[in-house]
Amino acid sequence: MHFETSVDIDAAPETVWNLLKDVERWPDMTASMDRVEVLDEPFTLGSRARVHQPKLPAAVWTVTAYDESRTFTWESRSPGVTTTGAHEIVPTPDGKSTVRLTLDQKGPLAPVFALLAGRLTRRYVVMEAEGLKAKAEQG
C-alpha cells in the first residue's frame, strides 16, 4: 500500500518543522494519536518513538532518515509488514510551506493489513496533515 497527501500551510517552514519534529505533542494536533513517547532523545536519526493510535496496536517507530528543518522518515516493523512514513516540508516562494506525508507498507502481510486497516490508516494520515496545518496556522 502506498498513500500520499500534501497540504499547503500558511506558516514559515521553521514553524512547521518545530511542530513536526515535536512528535510527543502530535496528540495535541490530531485525534489520530492517543500518545507518543520518544524513547531516545534528542529526536534525530536513529531515535525511536512508541506511537499509540486509536484502533491500532502501539508501534515503535525508528527514524531512518533525518534532514534538519526539511524531512524525516521513520519505520515500524511488525510480523509480515514494514511501514515507512515520510514527512517532508517544501518551502514555497512566498515563505510559506507545503507538507507532503507518505506512508508505504511492504511485506508478505501488507495486502492483508491494507484490506483490514487501509481505510483507517489513510484517514489518519489526512487527519495528521490537517492537524499540522491548523496548529501551524494558529500562530
Protein backbone atom coordinates (compact mmCIF):
# COMPACT_ATOMS: atom_id res chain seq x y z
CA MET A 1 0.00 0.00 0.00
CA HIS A 2 1.18 3.49 -0.83
CA PHE A 3 -0.60 6.62 0.31
CA GLU A 4 0.43 10.23 -0.08
CA THR A 5 -1.15 13.54 0.82
CA SER A 6 0.03 17.15 0.64
CA VAL A 7 -1.19 20.26 2.40
CA ASP A 8 -0.32 23.92 1.88
CA ILE A 9 0.31 25.68 5.18
CA ASP A 10 0.21 29.43 5.72
CA ALA A 11 3.26 29.37 8.01
CA ALA A 12 7.03 29.54 7.68
CA PRO A 13 8.89 26.24 7.20
CA GLU A 14 10.67 26.76 10.55
CA THR A 15 7.33 26.97 12.37
CA VAL A 16 6.08 23.83 10.65
CA TRP A 17 9.33 21.93 11.31
CA ASN A 18 9.26 22.76 15.03
CA LEU A 19 5.77 21.26 15.26
CA LEU A 20 6.57 18.29 13.06
CA LYS A 21 9.68 17.17 14.93
CA ASP A 22 7.97 17.50 18.34
CA VAL A 23 6.30 14.10 17.91
CA GLU A 24 5.28 13.81 21.57
CA ARG A 25 2.91 16.76 21.03
CA TRP A 26 1.24 15.30 17.94
CA PRO A 27 -1.75 14.13 20.01
CA ASP A 28 -2.44 17.85 20.64
CA MET A 29 -2.83 18.32 16.87
CA THR A 30 -4.79 15.25 15.81
CA ALA A 31 -7.28 12.76 17.16
CA SER A 32 -5.41 10.06 15.18
CA MET A 33 -2.86 9.87 18.02
CA ASP A 34 -3.53 8.99 21.65
CA ARG A 35 0.06 9.19 22.90
CA VAL A 36 3.60 9.37 21.53
CA GLU A 37 6.61 8.56 23.70
CA VAL A 38 10.10 9.43 22.45
CA LEU A 39 12.37 6.60 23.58
CA ASP A 40 15.66 8.20 22.50
CA GLU A 41 16.48 11.89 22.98
CA PRO A 42 17.10 14.07 21.10
CA PHE A 43 14.71 13.18 18.29
CA THR A 44 17.01 12.66 15.30
CA LEU A 45 18.42 9.91 13.07
CA GLY A 46 18.18 6.57 14.90
CA SER A 47 15.71 7.80 17.52
CA ARG A 48 12.73 5.63 18.40
CA ALA A 49 9.23 6.59 19.47
CA ARG A 50 6.30 4.47 20.64
CA VAL A 51 3.09 5.62 18.96
CA HIS A 52 -0.36 4.80 20.37
CA GLN A 53 -3.24 5.27 17.95
CA PRO A 54 -6.94 4.53 18.34
CA LYS A 55 -7.97 1.14 16.91
CA LEU A 56 -4.35 0.13 16.16
CA PRO A 57 -1.75 -1.67 18.27
CA ALA A 58 1.05 0.50 19.70
CA ALA A 59 4.06 0.58 17.39
CA VAL A 60 7.70 1.55 17.82
CA TRP A 61 8.94 3.77 15.01
CA THR A 62 12.66 4.27 14.27
CA VAL A 63 13.92 7.36 12.42
CA THR A 64 15.77 6.09 9.32
CA ALA A 65 16.40 9.43 7.57
CA TYR A 66 16.62 12.91 9.04
CA ASP A 67 17.44 16.24 7.42
CA GLU A 68 17.04 19.04 9.99
CA SER A 69 14.36 21.57 9.06
CA ARG A 70 13.30 19.61 5.95
CA THR A 71 12.31 15.99 6.39
CA PHE A 72 12.33 12.85 8.44
CA THR A 73 11.39 9.28 7.66
CA TRP A 74 10.65 6.59 10.18
CA GLU A 75 9.89 2.91 10.02
CA SER A 76 7.87 0.47 12.08
CA ARG A 77 8.12 -3.31 11.76
CA SER A 78 5.58 -5.90 12.75
CA PRO A 79 5.36 -9.55 11.71
CA GLY A 80 4.92 -9.57 7.93
CA VAL A 81 4.64 -5.78 7.47
CA THR A 82 7.13 -2.93 7.37
CA THR A 83 5.54 0.52 7.44
CA THR A 84 7.50 3.58 6.38
CA GLY A 85 6.26 7.12 6.96
CA ALA A 86 7.91 10.18 5.45
CA HIS A 87 7.33 13.81 6.43
CA GLU A 88 8.67 16.48 4.09
CA ILE A 89 8.46 20.27 4.24
CA VAL A 90 8.82 22.10 0.93
CA PRO A 91 9.33 25.86 1.29
CA THR A 92 7.23 27.91 -1.13
CA PRO A 93 8.47 31.07 -2.91
CA ASP A 94 6.24 33.23 -0.69
CA GLY A 95 7.89 31.98 2.52
CA LYS A 96 5.17 29.52 3.42
CA SER A 97 5.18 25.71 3.36
CA THR A 98 3.86 22.66 1.63
CA VAL A 99 3.97 19.46 3.67
CA ARG A 100 3.97 16.06 1.99
CA LEU A 101 3.22 12.96 4.03
CA THR A 102 3.67 9.48 2.59
CA LEU A 103 3.01 6.06 4.02
CA ASP A 104 4.23 2.81 2.48
CA GLN A 105 3.57 -0.73 3.68
CA LYS A 106 5.52 -3.68 2.36
CA GLY A 107 5.92 -7.31 3.22
CA PRO A 108 4.01 -10.58 2.82
CA LEU A 109 1.15 -9.44 5.08
CA ALA A 110 0.92 -5.88 3.72
CA PRO A 111 -2.03 -6.71 1.41
CA VAL A 112 -3.95 -8.21 4.33
CA PHE A 113 -3.21 -5.20 6.54
CA ALA A 114 -4.25 -2.86 3.73
CA LEU A 115 -7.54 -4.72 3.38
CA LEU A 116 -8.24 -4.65 7.13
CA ALA A 117 -6.90 -1.23 8.12
CA GLY A 118 -6.03 0.64 4.91
CA ARG A 119 -9.00 3.00 5.02
CA LEU A 120 -8.33 3.85 8.68
CA THR A 121 -4.62 4.34 8.03
CA ARG A 122 -5.25 6.68 5.10
CA ARG A 123 -7.77 8.64 7.18
CA TYR A 124 -5.22 9.03 9.98
CA VAL A 125 -2.56 10.40 7.60
CA VAL A 126 -5.02 13.01 6.30
CA MET A 127 -6.02 13.91 9.87
CA GLU A 128 -2.35 14.38 10.75
CA ALA A 129 -1.78 16.71 7.77
CA GLU A 130 -4.89 18.75 8.59
CA GLY A 131 -3.98 18.92 12.28
CA LEU A 132 -0.47 20.13 11.49
CA LYS A 133 -1.88 22.80 9.17
CA ALA A 134 -4.36 24.03 11.78
CA LYS A 135 -1.75 24.15 14.57
CA ALA A 136 0.89 25.90 12.42
CA GLU A 137 -1.58 28.50 11.20
CA GLN A 138 -2.73 29.31 14.76
CA GLY A 139 0.45 31.24 15.29
